[in-house]
C-alpha atoms as a PDB file:
ATOM      1  CA  MET A   1      27.103  12.645-111.576  1.00  0.00           C
ATOM      2  CA  SER A   2      25.682  15.334-109.288  1.00  0.00           C
ATOM      3  CA  THR A   3      23.212  13.845-106.799  1.00  0.00           C
ATOM      4  CA  VAL A   4      21.846  15.955-103.965  1.00  0.00           C
ATOM      5  CA  CYS A   5      19.834  14.787-100.959  1.00  0.00           C
ATOM      6  CA  ILE A   6      18.111  17.476 -98.943  1.00  0.00           C
ATOM      7  CA  THR A   7      16.698  16.324 -95.642  1.00  0.00           C
ATOM      8  CA  SER A   8      15.104  17.702 -92.499  1.00  0.00           C
ATOM      9  CA  PHE A   9      13.330  15.929 -89.685  1.00  0.00           C
ATOM     10  CA  LEU A  10      10.554  18.519 -89.691  1.00  0.00           C
ATOM     11  CA  SER A  11       9.112  20.598 -92.509  1.00  0.00           C
ATOM     12  CA  VAL A  12      11.180  23.786 -92.482  1.00  0.00           C
ATOM     13  CA  GLY A  13      11.769  24.593 -96.155  1.00  0.00           C
ATOM     14  CA  GLY A  14      13.249  21.530 -97.835  1.00  0.00           C
ATOM     15  CA  SER A  15      10.793  21.645-100.736  1.00  0.00           C
ATOM     16  CA  PHE A  16      11.797  25.220-101.526  1.00  0.00           C
ATOM     17  CA  VAL A  17      15.503  24.368-101.349  1.00  0.00           C
ATOM     18  CA  ASP A  18      15.016  21.330-103.580  1.00  0.00           C
ATOM     19  CA  TRP A  19      13.263  23.438-106.214  1.00  0.00           C
ATOM     20  CA  SER A  20      15.792  26.280-105.848  1.00  0.00           C
ATOM     21  CA  VAL A  21      18.744  23.994-106.596  1.00  0.00           C
ATOM     22  CA  HIS A  22      17.315  23.123-110.015  1.00  0.00           C
ATOM     23  CA  TYR A  23      15.920  26.559-110.777  1.00  0.00           C
ATOM     24  CA  LEU A  24      19.119  28.437-109.941  1.00  0.00           C
ATOM     25  CA  ALA A  25      21.137  25.927-111.950  1.00  0.00           C
ATOM     26  CA  GLY A  26      19.108  27.022-114.969  1.00  0.00           C
ATOM     27  CA  LYS A  27      17.343  23.682-115.378  1.00  0.00           C
ATOM     28  CA  ASP A  28      13.965  23.379-117.087  1.00  0.00           C
ATOM     29  CA  GLN A  29      13.456  19.721-116.202  1.00  0.00           C
ATOM     30  CA  TYR A  30      14.340  17.398-113.353  1.00  0.00           C
ATOM     31  CA  TYR A  31      14.345  13.624-112.960  1.00  0.00           C
ATOM     32  CA  ARG A  32      11.345  11.975-111.266  1.00  0.00           C
ATOM     33  CA  ILE A  33      12.751   8.836-109.665  1.00  0.00           C
ATOM     34  CA  ALA A  34       9.477   6.965-109.065  1.00  0.00           C
ATOM     35  CA  GLU A  35       8.380   7.358-112.699  1.00  0.00           C
ATOM     36  CA  GLN A  36      11.945   7.079-114.085  1.00  0.00           C
ATOM     37  CA  CYS A  37      11.412  10.016-116.399  1.00  0.00           C
ATOM     38  CA  TRP A  38      12.223  13.682-116.793  1.00  0.00           C
ATOM     39  CA  THR A  39       9.508  16.223-116.042  1.00  0.00           C
ATOM     40  CA  ASN A  40       9.146  19.977-116.368  1.00  0.00           C
ATOM     41  CA  LEU A  41      10.310  22.176-113.497  1.00  0.00           C
ATOM     42  CA  THR A  42       7.739  24.719-112.359  1.00  0.00           C
ATOM     43  CA  SER A  43       8.747  28.384-112.617  1.00  0.00           C
ATOM     44  CA  ASN A  44       7.150  29.094-109.228  1.00  0.00           C
ATOM     45  CA  PRO A  45       6.639  26.435-106.520  1.00  0.00           C
ATOM     46  CA  LEU A  46       4.628  28.531-104.062  1.00  0.00           C
ATOM     47  CA  THR A  47       1.196  27.827-102.658  1.00  0.00           C
ATOM     48  CA  SER A  48      -0.394  29.949 -99.939  1.00  0.00           C
ATOM     49  CA  THR A  49       1.395  28.008 -97.190  1.00  0.00           C
ATOM     50  CA  ASN A  50       4.475  26.309 -98.656  1.00  0.00           C
ATOM     51  CA  ALA A  51       6.466  25.427-101.792  1.00  0.00           C
ATOM     52  CA  HIS A  52       4.707  22.146-102.525  1.00  0.00           C
ATOM     53  CA  ASP A  53       3.778  23.003-106.086  1.00  0.00           C
ATOM     54  CA  HIS A  54       7.217  21.561-106.770  1.00  0.00           C
ATOM     55  CA  ASN A  55       6.612  17.813-107.072  1.00  0.00           C
ATOM     56  CA  LYS A  56       9.944  16.750-105.608  1.00  0.00           C
ATOM     57  CA  ASN A  57      11.328  13.267-105.116  1.00  0.00           C
ATOM     58  CA  HIS A  58      10.263  12.660-101.528  1.00  0.00           C
ATOM     59  CA  PRO A  59      11.271   9.286-100.023  1.00  0.00           C
ATOM     60  CA  ALA A  60      10.325   8.549 -96.419  1.00  0.00           C
ATOM     61  CA  GLY A  61      12.603   6.601 -94.086  1.00  0.00           C
ATOM     62  CA  SER A  62      15.982   4.995 -94.604  1.00  0.00           C
ATOM     63  CA  VAL A  63      14.787   2.025 -96.697  1.00  0.00           C
ATOM     64  CA  GLN A  64      12.899   4.076 -99.261  1.00  0.00           C
ATOM     65  CA  THR A  65      15.695   6.660 -99.382  1.00  0.00           C
ATOM     66  CA  GLY A  66      18.136   3.859-100.213  1.00  0.00           C
ATOM     67  CA  GLN A  67      15.795   2.556-102.897  1.00  0.00           C
ATOM     68  CA  TYR A  68      15.547   5.996-104.473  1.00  0.00           C
ATOM     69  CA  LEU A  69      19.306   6.426-104.438  1.00  0.00           C
ATOM     70  CA  GLN A  70      19.732   3.072-106.187  1.00  0.00           C
ATOM     71  CA  GLN A  71      17.178   3.965-108.861  1.00  0.00           C
ATOM     72  CA  ILE A  72      18.709   7.273-109.873  1.00  0.00           C
ATOM     73  CA  ASN A  73      19.570   7.407-113.546  1.00  0.00           C
ATOM     74  CA  ARG A  74      23.376   7.302-113.719  1.00  0.00           C
ATOM     75  CA  SER A  75      23.915  10.378-115.859  1.00  0.00           C
ATOM     76  CA  GLU A  76      25.810  13.608-115.525  1.00  0.00           C
ATOM     77  CA  GLN A  77      22.599  15.557-114.948  1.00  0.00           C
ATOM     78  CA  LEU A  78      21.703  17.168-111.626  1.00  0.00           C
ATOM     79  CA  THR A  79      19.373  14.914-109.606  1.00  0.00           C
ATOM     80  CA  SER A  80      17.883  15.612-106.199  1.00  0.00           C
ATOM     81  CA  MET A  81      15.520  14.326-103.543  1.00  0.00           C
ATOM     82  CA  TYR A  82      14.049  15.588-100.297  1.00  0.00           C
ATOM     83  CA  ALA A  83      14.175  12.706 -97.805  1.00  0.00           C
ATOM     84  CA  CYS A  84      11.988  12.732 -94.704  1.00  0.00           C
ATOM     85  CA  PRO A  85      11.669  10.499 -91.629  1.00  0.00           C
ATOM     86  CA  LEU A  86       9.879   7.183 -91.399  1.00  0.00           C
ATOM     87  CA  PRO A  87       6.071   7.705 -91.243  1.00  0.00           C
ATOM     88  CA  ILE A  88       4.277   6.847 -88.027  1.00  0.00           C
ATOM     89  CA  GLY A  89       2.231   4.145 -89.740  1.00  0.00           C
ATOM     90  CA  ALA A  90       5.339   2.356 -90.970  1.00  0.00           C
ATOM     91  CA  ALA A  91       6.956   2.596 -87.533  1.00  0.00           C
ATOM     92  CA  LEU A  92       3.870   1.109 -85.883  1.00  0.00           C
ATOM     93  CA  GLU A  93       3.997  -1.795 -88.306  1.00  0.00           C
ATOM     94  CA  GLN A  94       7.653  -2.452 -87.508  1.00  0.00           C
ATOM     95  CA  LEU A  95       6.872  -2.434 -83.790  1.00  0.00           C
ATOM     96  CA  LYS A  96       3.833  -4.653 -84.405  1.00  0.00           C
ATOM     97  CA  ILE A  97       1.659  -2.187 -82.506  1.00  0.00           C
ATOM     98  CA  THR A  98      -1.979  -2.245 -83.593  1.00  0.00           C
ATOM     99  CA  GLN A  99      -3.570  -0.351 -80.692  1.00  0.00           C
ATOM    100  CA  PRO A 100      -1.033   2.322 -79.713  1.00  0.00           C
ATOM    101  CA  THR A 101      -1.296   4.387 -76.565  1.00  0.00           C
ATOM    102  CA  ASN A 102       0.303   7.643 -75.530  1.00  0.00           C
ATOM    103  CA  ALA A 103       2.646   5.638 -73.291  1.00  0.00           C
ATOM    104  CA  GLN A 104       4.163   4.045 -76.415  1.00  0.00           C
ATOM    105  CA  LEU A 105       5.153   7.371 -77.967  1.00  0.00           C
ATOM    106  CA  PRO A 106       8.730   7.164 -76.545  1.00  0.00           C
ATOM    107  CA  GLN A 107       9.202   3.727 -78.166  1.00  0.00           C
ATOM    108  CA  LEU A 108       7.817   5.055 -81.432  1.00  0.00           C
ATOM    109  CA  LYS A 109      10.002   8.154 -81.250  1.00  0.00           C
ATOM    110  CA  ASP A 110      13.121   6.053 -80.606  1.00  0.00           C
ATOM    111  CA  LEU A 111      12.497   3.877 -83.664  1.00  0.00           C
ATOM    112  CA  ILE A 112      11.859   6.842 -85.963  1.00  0.00           C
ATOM    113  CA  LEU A 113      14.926   8.727 -84.728  1.00  0.00           C
ATOM    114  CA  LYS A 114      17.149   5.652 -85.161  1.00  0.00           C
ATOM    115  CA  ASP A 115      15.816   5.113 -88.671  1.00  0.00           C
ATOM    116  CA  TYR A 116      16.576   8.766 -89.440  1.00  0.00           C
ATOM    117  CA  GLN A 117      20.158   8.201 -88.305  1.00  0.00           C
ATOM    118  CA  GLN A 118      20.324   5.302 -90.760  1.00  0.00           C
ATOM    119  CA  LEU A 119      18.866   7.549 -93.472  1.00  0.00           C
ATOM    120  CA  ILE A 120      21.773   9.981 -93.015  1.00  0.00           C
ATOM    121  CA  GLU A 121      24.307   7.135 -93.157  1.00  0.00           C
ATOM    122  CA  CYS A 122      22.613   5.769 -96.279  1.00  0.00           C
ATOM    123  CA  VAL A 123      23.092   9.106 -98.051  1.00  0.00           C
ATOM    124  CA  TYR A 124      26.778   9.174 -97.091  1.00  0.00           C
ATOM    125  CA  ASN A 125      27.253   5.592 -98.290  1.00  0.00           C
ATOM    126  CA  HIS A 126      25.837   6.415-101.726  1.00  0.00           C
ATOM    127  CA  ASP A 127      28.349   9.218-102.259  1.00  0.00           C
ATOM    128  CA  THR A 128      25.556  11.771-102.381  1.00  0.00           C
ATOM    129  CA  LYS A 129      25.745  15.463-101.495  1.00  0.00           C
ATOM    130  CA  LEU A 130      23.880  15.862 -98.199  1.00  0.00           C
ATOM    131  CA  ILE A 131      22.136  19.099 -97.244  1.00  0.00           C
ATOM    132  CA  TYR A 132      20.703  18.878 -93.736  1.00  0.00           C
ATOM    133  CA  ILE A 133      18.260  21.606 -92.658  1.00  0.00           C
ATOM    134  CA  ASP A 134      18.138  21.806 -88.875  1.00  0.00           C
ATOM    135  CA  SER A 135      14.908  22.560 -87.022  1.00  0.00           C
ATOM    136  CA  ASP A 136      16.424  25.067 -84.618  1.00  0.00           C
ATOM    137  CA  VAL A 137      15.686  25.100 -80.903  1.00  0.00           C
ATOM    138  CA  GLY A 138      13.011  27.698 -80.290  1.00  0.00           C
ATOM    139  CA  THR A 139      11.023  26.972 -83.450  1.00  0.00           C
ATOM    140  CA  GLU A 140       8.655  24.437 -81.866  1.00  0.00           C
ATOM    141  CA  LEU A 141       5.553  26.609 -82.230  1.00  0.00           C
ATOM    142  CA  TYR A 142       6.310  27.335 -85.883  1.00  0.00           C
ATOM    143  CA  HIS A 143       5.103  23.796 -86.525  1.00  0.00           C
ATOM    144  CA  ILE A 144       1.612  24.251 -85.078  1.00  0.00           C
ATOM    145  CA  VAL A 145       0.614  26.143 -88.236  1.00  0.00           C
ATOM    146  CA  PRO A 146      -0.979  23.549 -90.555  1.00  0.00           C
ATOM    147  CA  ARG A 147       1.208  23.656 -93.680  1.00  0.00           C
ATOM    148  CA  THR A 148       0.479  20.225 -95.166  1.00  0.00           C
ATOM    149  CA  ARG A 149      -2.041  17.441 -94.860  1.00  0.00           C
ATOM    150  CA  HIS A 150      -0.789  14.074 -93.659  1.00  0.00           C
ATOM    151  CA  LEU A 151      -1.713  10.399 -93.665  1.00  0.00           C
ATOM    152  CA  LEU A 152      -1.200   7.782 -91.007  1.00  0.00           C
ATOM    153  CA  ASP A 153      -0.367   5.321 -93.744  1.00  0.00           C
ATOM    154  CA  SER A 154       2.706   3.119 -94.094  1.00  0.00           C
ATOM    155  CA  ASP A 155       2.012   2.209 -97.739  1.00  0.00           C
ATOM    156  CA  SER A 156       4.544   3.897-100.007  1.00  0.00           C
ATOM    157  CA  ASN A 157       1.987   3.780-102.826  1.00  0.00           C
ATOM    158  CA  ALA A 158      -0.681   5.586-100.826  1.00  0.00           C
ATOM    159  CA  LEU A 159      -2.102   8.549-102.667  1.00  0.00           C
ATOM    160  CA  PRO A 160      -1.462  11.979-101.109  1.00  0.00           C
ATOM    161  CA  GLN A 161      -4.305  14.214-100.037  1.00  0.00           C
ATOM    162  CA  PRO A 162      -5.593  16.564-102.754  1.00  0.00           C
ATOM    163  CA  GLY A 163      -3.143  19.343-103.481  1.00  0.00           C
ATOM    164  CA  VAL A 164      -0.190  17.616-101.838  1.00  0.00           C
ATOM    165  CA  SER A 165       2.653  16.420-104.024  1.00  0.00           C
ATOM    166  CA  HIS A 166       4.323  13.990-101.622  1.00  0.00           C
ATOM    167  CA  ASP A 167       5.504  10.604-102.863  1.00  0.00           C
ATOM    168  CA  ARG A 168       4.881   9.347 -99.379  1.00  0.00           C
ATOM    169  CA  PRO A 169       3.143  10.976 -96.406  1.00  0.00           C
ATOM    170  CA  HIS A 170       5.291  12.867 -93.939  1.00  0.00           C
ATOM    171  CA  VAL A 171       3.523  12.532 -90.606  1.00  0.00           C
ATOM    172  CA  ILE A 172       5.906  13.736 -87.930  1.00  0.00           C
ATOM    173  CA  GLN A 173       4.996  17.414 -87.908  1.00  0.00           C
ATOM    174  CA  THR A 174       3.248  18.895 -84.895  1.00  0.00           C
ATOM    175  CA  ASP A 175       0.237  20.181 -86.786  1.00  0.00           C
ATOM    176  CA  TYR A 176      -0.643  16.541 -87.401  1.00  0.00           C
ATOM    177  CA  THR A 177      -1.221  16.065 -83.676  1.00  0.00           C
ATOM    178  CA  TYR A 178      -4.276  18.327 -83.951  1.00  0.00           C
ATOM    179  CA  SER A 179      -5.933  15.978 -86.456  1.00  0.00           C
ATOM    180  CA  SER A 180      -8.667  13.588 -85.372  1.00  0.00           C
ATOM    181  CA  SER A 181      -6.649  10.605 -86.650  1.00  0.00           C
ATOM    182  CA  PHE A 182      -3.695  11.312 -84.361  1.00  0.00           C
ATOM    183  CA  GLN A 183      -5.962  11.995 -81.394  1.00  0.00           C
ATOM    184  CA  GLN A 184      -7.860   8.758 -81.934  1.00  0.00           C
ATOM    185  CA  LEU A 185      -4.590   6.879 -82.220  1.00  0.00           C
ATOM    186  CA  PHE A 186      -2.774   8.155 -79.139  1.00  0.00           C
ATOM    187  CA  PHE A 187      -5.423   9.803 -76.967  1.00  0.00           C
ATOM    188  CA  ASN A 188      -8.318   7.418 -77.509  1.00  0.00           C
ATOM    189  CA  GLN A 189      -8.982   7.030 -73.772  1.00  0.00           C
ATOM    190  CA  SER A 190      -9.129  10.777 -73.287  1.00  0.00           C
ATOM    191  CA  LEU A 191     -11.372  11.126 -76.341  1.00  0.00           C
ATOM    192  CA  ALA A 192     -13.696   8.417 -75.091  1.00  0.00           C
ATOM    193  CA  HIS A 193     -13.902   9.938 -71.608  1.00  0.00           C
ATOM    194  CA  TRP A 194     -14.740  13.419 -72.830  1.00  0.00           C
ATOM    195  CA  HIS A 195     -17.201  12.112 -75.442  1.00  0.00           C
ATOM    196  CA  THR A 196     -18.938   9.903 -72.881  1.00  0.00           C
ATOM    197  CA  ASN A 197     -19.503  12.980 -70.770  1.00  0.00           C
ATOM    198  CA  GLY A 198     -20.858  14.933 -73.720  1.00  0.00           C
ATOM    199  CA  LEU A 199     -17.838  17.246 -73.896  1.00  0.00           C
ATOM    200  CA  VAL A 200     -17.639  17.552 -77.658  1.00  0.00           C
ATOM    201  CA  GLU A 201     -18.085  21.263 -78.377  1.00  0.00           C
ATOM    202  CA  ILE A 202     -15.179  23.303 -79.735  1.00  0.00           C
ATOM    203  CA  TRP A 203     -14.423  24.784 -76.304  1.00  0.00           C
ATOM    204  CA  ASP A 204     -14.284  21.234 -74.887  1.00  0.00           C
ATOM    205  CA  VAL A 205     -11.969  20.052 -77.671  1.00  0.00           C
ATOM    206  CA  ARG A 206      -9.696  23.039 -77.102  1.00  0.00           C
ATOM    207  CA  GLU A 207      -9.425  22.282 -73.375  1.00  0.00           C
ATOM    208  CA  ARG A 208      -8.869  18.556 -73.915  1.00  0.00           C
ATOM    209  CA  LEU A 209      -6.052  19.234 -76.383  1.00  0.00           C
ATOM    210  CA  ALA A 210      -4.539  21.790 -74.023  1.00  0.00           C
ATOM    211  CA  LEU A 211      -4.363  19.018 -71.437  1.00  0.00           C
ATOM    212  CA  ASP A 212      -3.324  16.132 -73.699  1.00  0.00           C
ATOM    213  CA  LEU A 213      -0.714  17.643 -76.020  1.00  0.00           C
ATOM    214  CA  ARG A 214       2.888  18.527 -75.239  1.00  0.00           C
ATOM    215  CA  PRO A 215       3.585  21.174 -77.897  1.00  0.00           C
ATOM    216  CA  PHE A 216       7.084  21.980 -76.662  1.00  0.00           C
ATOM    217  CA  ASP A 217       8.238  18.349 -76.602  1.00  0.00           C
ATOM    218  CA  LEU A 218       8.600  18.202 -80.363  1.00  0.00           C
ATOM    219  CA  TRP A 219      10.637  15.439 -81.969  1.00  0.00           C
ATOM    220  CA  GLY A 220      13.483  16.536 -84.157  1.00  0.00           C
ATOM    221  CA  ILE A 221      14.238  19.981 -82.758  1.00  0.00           C
ATOM    222  CA  GLY A 222      17.981  20.702 -82.713  1.00  0.00           C
ATOM    223  CA  LEU A 223      19.058  17.101 -83.337  1.00  0.00           C
ATOM    224  CA  THR A 224      22.649  16.518 -82.181  1.00  0.00           C
ATOM    225  CA  HIS A 225      22.933  12.716 -82.297  1.00  0.00           C
ATOM    226  CA  LEU A 226      23.283  12.560 -86.091  1.00  0.00           C
ATOM    227  CA  ASN A 227      26.628  11.866 -87.750  1.00  0.00           C
ATOM    228  CA  PHE A 228      27.937  15.288 -88.756  1.00  0.00           C
ATOM    229  CA  SER A 229      31.559  14.102 -89.075  1.00  0.00           C
ATOM    230  CA  LYS A 230      31.444  13.604 -92.856  1.00  0.00           C
ATOM    231  CA  PRO A 231      31.271  16.328 -95.535  1.00  0.00           C
ATOM    232  CA  HIS A 232      27.796  17.848 -95.756  1.00  0.00           C
ATOM    233  CA  GLN A 233      26.008  21.186 -95.630  1.00  0.00           C
ATOM    234  CA  TRP A 234      24.365  22.003 -92.288  1.00  0.00           C
ATOM    235  CA  VAL A 235      21.723  24.722 -92.655  1.00  0.00           C
ATOM    236  CA  SER A 236      19.906  26.500 -89.847  1.00  0.00           C
ATOM    237  CA  CYS A 237      16.229  26.834 -90.716  1.00  0.00           C
ATOM    238  CA  LYS A 238      16.213  30.310 -89.159  1.00  0.00           C
ATOM    239  CA  GLU A 239      19.069  31.364 -91.417  1.00  0.00           C
ATOM    240  CA  LEU A 240      17.290  29.889 -94.424  1.00  0.00           C
ATOM    241  CA  TRP A 241      14.176  31.907 -93.572  1.00  0.00           C
ATOM    242  CA  SER A 242      16.018  35.155 -92.876  1.00  0.00           C
ATOM    243  CA  ASN A 243      19.098  35.000 -95.123  1.00  0.00           C
ATOM    244  CA  GLY A 244      18.156  32.614 -97.894  1.00  0.00           C
ATOM    245  CA  PRO A 245      20.227  34.229-100.692  1.00  0.00           C
ATOM    246  CA  ASP A 246      23.490  33.615 -98.827  1.00  0.00           C
ATOM    247  CA  VAL A 247      22.394  30.092 -97.893  1.00  0.00           C
ATOM    248  CA  LEU A 248      21.544  29.179-101.496  1.00  0.00           C
ATOM    249  CA  PHE A 249      24.746  30.695-102.882  1.00  0.00           C
ATOM    250  CA  LYS A 250      26.715  28.546-100.447  1.00  0.00           C
ATOM    251  CA  ILE A 251      24.712  25.430-101.371  1.00  0.00           C
ATOM    252  CA  MET A 252      25.106  25.987-105.106  1.00  0.00           C
ATOM    253  CA  SER A 253      28.849  26.450-104.725  1.00  0.00           C
ATOM    254  CA  TRP A 254      29.116  23.293-102.608  1.00  0.00           C
ATOM    255  CA  ILE A 255      27.283  21.134-105.164  1.00  0.00           C
ATOM    256  CA  ASP A 256      29.385  22.631-107.995  1.00  0.00           C
ATOM    257  CA  GLN A 257      26.458  24.249-109.787  1.00  0.00           C
ATOM    258  CA  PRO A 258      26.925  27.802-111.136  1.00  0.00           C
ATOM    259  CA  VAL A 259      24.050  30.189-110.443  1.00  0.00           C
ATOM    260  CA  ASN A 260      22.144  31.322-113.509  1.00  0.00           C
ATOM    261  CA  GLN A 261      22.117  35.103-113.104  1.00  0.00           C
ATOM    262  CA  GLU A 262      18.910  35.627-115.071  1.00  0.00           C
ATOM    263  CA  ARG A 263      17.159  33.080-112.885  1.00  0.00           C
ATOM    264  CA  TRP A 264      18.656  34.666-109.766  1.00  0.00           C
ATOM    265  CA  VAL A 265      16.671  37.881-110.275  1.00  0.00           C
ATOM    266  CA  GLN A 266      13.416  35.938-110.557  1.00  0.00           C
ATOM    267  CA  TRP A 267      14.347  33.647-107.679  1.00  0.00           C
ATOM    268  CA  LEU A 268      14.828  36.624-105.321  1.00  0.00           C
ATOM    269  CA  GLN A 269      11.262  37.760-105.939  1.00  0.00           C
ATOM    270  CA  ILE A 270       9.907  34.275-105.278  1.00  0.00           C
ATOM    271  CA  TYR A 271      12.103  33.867-102.191  1.00  0.00           C
ATOM    272  CA  ASN A 272      10.806  37.141-100.735  1.00  0.00           C
ATOM    273  CA  LYS A 273       7.235  35.833-100.985  1.00  0.00           C
ATOM    274  CA  TRP A 274       8.238  32.455 -99.528  1.00  0.00           C
ATOM    275  CA  GLN A 275      10.076  34.247 -96.732  1.00  0.00           C
ATOM    276  CA  GLN A 276       6.927  36.116 -95.728  1.00  0.00           C
ATOM    277  CA  ILE A 277       5.091  32.785 -95.460  1.00  0.00           C
ATOM    278  CA  GLN A 278       7.766  31.551 -93.039  1.00  0.00           C
ATOM    279  CA  PHE A 279       7.741  34.753 -90.990  1.00  0.00           C
ATOM    280  CA  LYS A 280       3.960  34.552 -90.685  1.00  0.00           C
ATOM    281  CA  ALA A 281       4.191  30.940 -89.509  1.00  0.00           C
ATOM    282  CA  ALA A 282       6.935  31.833 -87.003  1.00  0.00           C
ATOM    283  CA  LYS A 283       5.287  34.979 -85.617  1.00  0.00           C
ATOM    284  CA  PHE A 284       3.454  33.211 -82.799  1.00  0.00           C
ATOM    285  CA  THR A 285       6.768  31.769 -81.577  1.00  0.00           C
ATOM    286  CA  ASN A 286       7.891  35.334 -80.924  1.00  0.00           C
ATOM    287  CA  THR A 287       4.667  36.620 -79.369  1.00  0.00           C
ATOM    288  CA  TYR A 288       3.108  33.829 -77.304  1.00  0.00           C
ATOM    289  CA  LYS A 289       5.050  34.675 -74.119  1.00  0.00           C
ATOM    290  CA  HIS A 290       3.922  38.288 -74.307  1.00  0.00           C
ATOM    291  CA  ILE A 291       0.353  37.151 -74.924  1.00  0.00           C
ATOM    292  CA  LEU A 292       0.529  35.055 -71.754  1.00  0.00           C
ATOM    293  CA  ASP A 293       1.968  37.964 -69.757  1.00  0.00           C
ATOM    294  CA  CYS A 294      -0.834  40.191 -71.008  1.00  0.00           C
ATOM    295  CA  VAL A 295      -3.538  37.668 -70.143  1.00  0.00           C
ATOM    296  CA  ILE A 296      -2.166  37.121 -66.638  1.00  0.00           C
ATOM    297  CA  ASN A 297      -1.454  40.795 -65.865  1.00  0.00           C
ATOM    298  CA  ASN A 298      -4.548  42.286 -67.526  1.00  0.00           C
ATOM    299  CA  TRP A 299      -2.475  44.134 -70.116  1.00  0.00           C
ATOM    300  CA  TYR A 300      -3.786  45.417 -73.409  1.00  0.00           C
ATOM    301  CA  TYR A 301      -2.734  43.452 -76.507  1.00  0.00           C
ATOM    302  CA  GLU A 302      -4.753  42.808 -79.655  1.00  0.00           C
ATOM    303  CA  ILE A 303      -4.857  39.184 -80.799  1.00  0.00           C
ATOM    304  CA  ASP A 304      -6.407  37.084 -83.555  1.00  0.00           C
ATOM    305  CA  LEU A 305      -5.418  33.514 -82.728  1.00  0.00           C
ATOM    306  CA  SER A 306      -5.960  30.340 -84.689  1.00  0.00           C
ATOM    307  CA  PHE A 307      -7.514  27.360 -82.917  1.00  0.00           C
ATOM    308  CA  GLU A 308      -4.070  25.741 -82.569  1.00  0.00           C
ATOM    309  CA  GLN A 309      -2.666  28.911 -81.010  1.00  0.00           C
ATOM    310  CA  GLU A 310      -5.577  29.083 -78.578  1.00  0.00           C
ATOM    311  CA  VAL A 311      -4.724  25.520 -77.505  1.00  0.00           C
ATOM    312  CA  ILE A 312      -1.130  26.586 -76.812  1.00  0.00           C
ATOM    313  CA  ILE A 313      -2.169  29.586 -74.714  1.00  0.00           C
ATOM    314  CA  GLN A 314      -4.570  27.498 -72.637  1.00  0.00           C
ATOM    315  CA  HIS A 315      -1.951  24.744 -72.304  1.00  0.00           C
ATOM    316  CA  CYS A 316       0.632  27.210 -70.958  1.00  0.00           C
ATOM    317  CA  LEU A 317      -1.839  28.751 -68.526  1.00  0.00           C
ATOM    318  CA  ILE A 318      -2.720  25.312 -67.155  1.00  0.00           C
ATOM    319  CA  TYR A 319       0.731  23.733 -66.967  1.00  0.00           C
ATOM    320  CA  ASN A 320       2.975  26.740 -66.343  1.00  0.00           C
ATOM    321  CA  HIS A 321       0.798  29.058 -64.263  1.00  0.00           C
ATOM    322  CA  GLY A 322      -1.830  26.889 -62.549  1.00  0.00           C
ATOM    323  CA  LEU A 323      -4.576  28.856 -64.276  1.00  0.00           C
ATOM    324  CA  ASN A 324      -7.339  28.113 -66.737  1.00  0.00           C
ATOM    325  CA  LEU A 325     -10.024  29.949 -68.670  1.00  0.00           C
ATOM    326  CA  LYS A 326     -13.803  29.933 -68.322  1.00  0.00           C
ATOM    327  CA  THR A 327     -14.401  28.949 -71.909  1.00  0.00           C
ATOM    328  CA  TRP A 328     -17.884  27.441 -71.859  1.00  0.00           C
ATOM    329  CA  GLN A 329     -19.602  28.478 -75.129  1.00  0.00           C
ATOM    330  CA  LEU A 330     -16.443  30.378 -76.168  1.00  0.00           C
ATOM    331  CA  LYS A 331     -16.037  29.346 -79.806  1.00  0.00           C
ATOM    332  CA  LYS A 332     -13.127  31.717 -80.407  1.00  0.00           C
ATOM    333  CA  PHE A 333     -10.899  33.707 -78.102  1.00  0.00           C
ATOM    334  CA  PRO A 334     -11.699  37.437 -77.893  1.00  0.00           C
ATOM    335  CA  SER A 335      -9.626  39.954 -79.824  1.00  0.00           C
ATOM    336  CA  ASN A 336      -7.849  41.455 -76.806  1.00  0.00           C
ATOM    337  CA  THR A 337      -5.910  39.875 -73.955  1.00  0.00           C
ATOM    338  CA  LYS A 338      -7.781  42.026 -71.404  1.00  0.00           C
ATOM    339  CA  ASP A 339     -10.957  40.157 -72.325  1.00  0.00           C
ATOM    340  CA  LEU A 340      -9.161  36.843 -71.829  1.00  0.00           C
ATOM    341  CA  HIS A 341      -7.921  38.039 -68.435  1.00  0.00           C
ATOM    342  CA  SER A 342     -11.522  38.446 -67.306  1.00  0.00           C
ATOM    343  CA  LEU A 343     -12.046  34.724 -67.995  1.00  0.00           C
ATOM    344  CA  LEU A 344      -9.160  33.526 -65.807  1.00  0.00           C
ATOM    345  CA  GLU A 345      -9.750  31.036 -63.018  1.00  0.00           C
ATOM    346  CA  GLN A 346      -7.654  28.615 -61.012  1.00  0.00           C
ATOM    347  CA  ASN A 347      -6.932  25.342 -62.777  1.00  0.00           C
ATOM    348  CA  PHE A 348      -8.990  22.483 -61.335  1.00  0.00           C
ATOM    349  CA  HIS A 349      -7.634  19.655 -63.504  1.00  0.00           C
ATOM    350  CA  VAL A 350      -5.415  17.049 -61.853  1.00  0.00           C
ATOM    351  CA  LEU A 351      -2.154  17.172 -63.813  1.00  0.00           C
ATOM    352  CA  PRO A 352       0.335  14.311 -64.264  1.00  0.00           C
ATOM    353  CA  VAL A 353       3.318  14.449 -61.935  1.00  0.00           C
END
C-alpha cells in the first residue's frame, strides 16, 4: 500500500502537492476517505488564489488525522491526505474557554502546537509516507493575502464556506486574523472601546488593527520542535514555489511512483500558473521594507496596497519607528509613497511595554 500524508502548519501549497502526486502518477481517480469511495481527479486544480479545486482529504488535528489513517481502504492504490493543525474552535473547547481574550493566545498556541507534534507522530506510527512543507522564516507576510475562507468551528461535520473544498476548516492562517470573527473573539475589548467612541470607519478599523495585531509573530513559521529524526520528506515552501519541478520529482521518487511523462508536460504548464499566484502573494514580503523607507524618507515609489498591506505598513510605522499617519477619511492609501510621507506624524498611542 502507498499512503502519503502531506502536512504543513500554514497554507503554503499542500493542496497543489497533494493533487500533483496523483496527477503525475497518471491517476484519474483518488480515494475520498470521508465518503469511502473513489472520485474523479480534476485535470486542473487552480482557482484564482490557490489549488483548492482539488477536493483533497483534509483532516484537522491529530485525532482526526488518526481516524482518517485508520479508515483508508487497505489496497495497493495510491492514497493521500493533506493534514492540517487543530482548528481554533476545537482547541478552545479542549481548554474549556468560552470567552477567550488576547492574553490566552499563548495557551491556545501551546495546545495547537503540541497537538501538531502528535499529528506528526501519528503519521509515523501508521507507517505512512510523510511530506512536511515548512513555512520558511521570512514568509510571514505571505500569509496576509486572503487565500481561503475559514470557520471558527470545532465541528468536523461543519460545512465549508462556498467554494472551499475543506473537510474541516483550517483556521490558523494569518489572513483569518483580519476577519470580524477573530477580532470579536480575541480583541473584543478593543472593538468595544473603539465602537463606543464611534471609531468604526475604514480608517479607524485600519488603525485599530495596526495596533492590535502582531503580523510578524506568526505561529508555525520555521518549526524546529517537530520530530524530524524518522524518514520523511522535508520541503521548503520557498523551494516549492521557485523550483517545484525538482521538488516534485524528488517526492515522486521517494513515494515510489513513476512520473507519467505525458502528464508531466501538462503539469509544468499548470505549475507555472500556480507559481505566479505564489509569487504575487509573496511580493509584499520583498517590498514592504522599501515601502517603509520610501514613506519615511519621502522617496518616490508607486504602490497599490490591499487593506491588509496598509495595516502592516501602519503597524510598522507605529511600532518600529514611533510614527503614524493622518488617515482621517483616508479610505485607501495613495498610489505613491511621497503622498504617504506627507501624512506622517508622531505616534500618540500608548504602546504595550
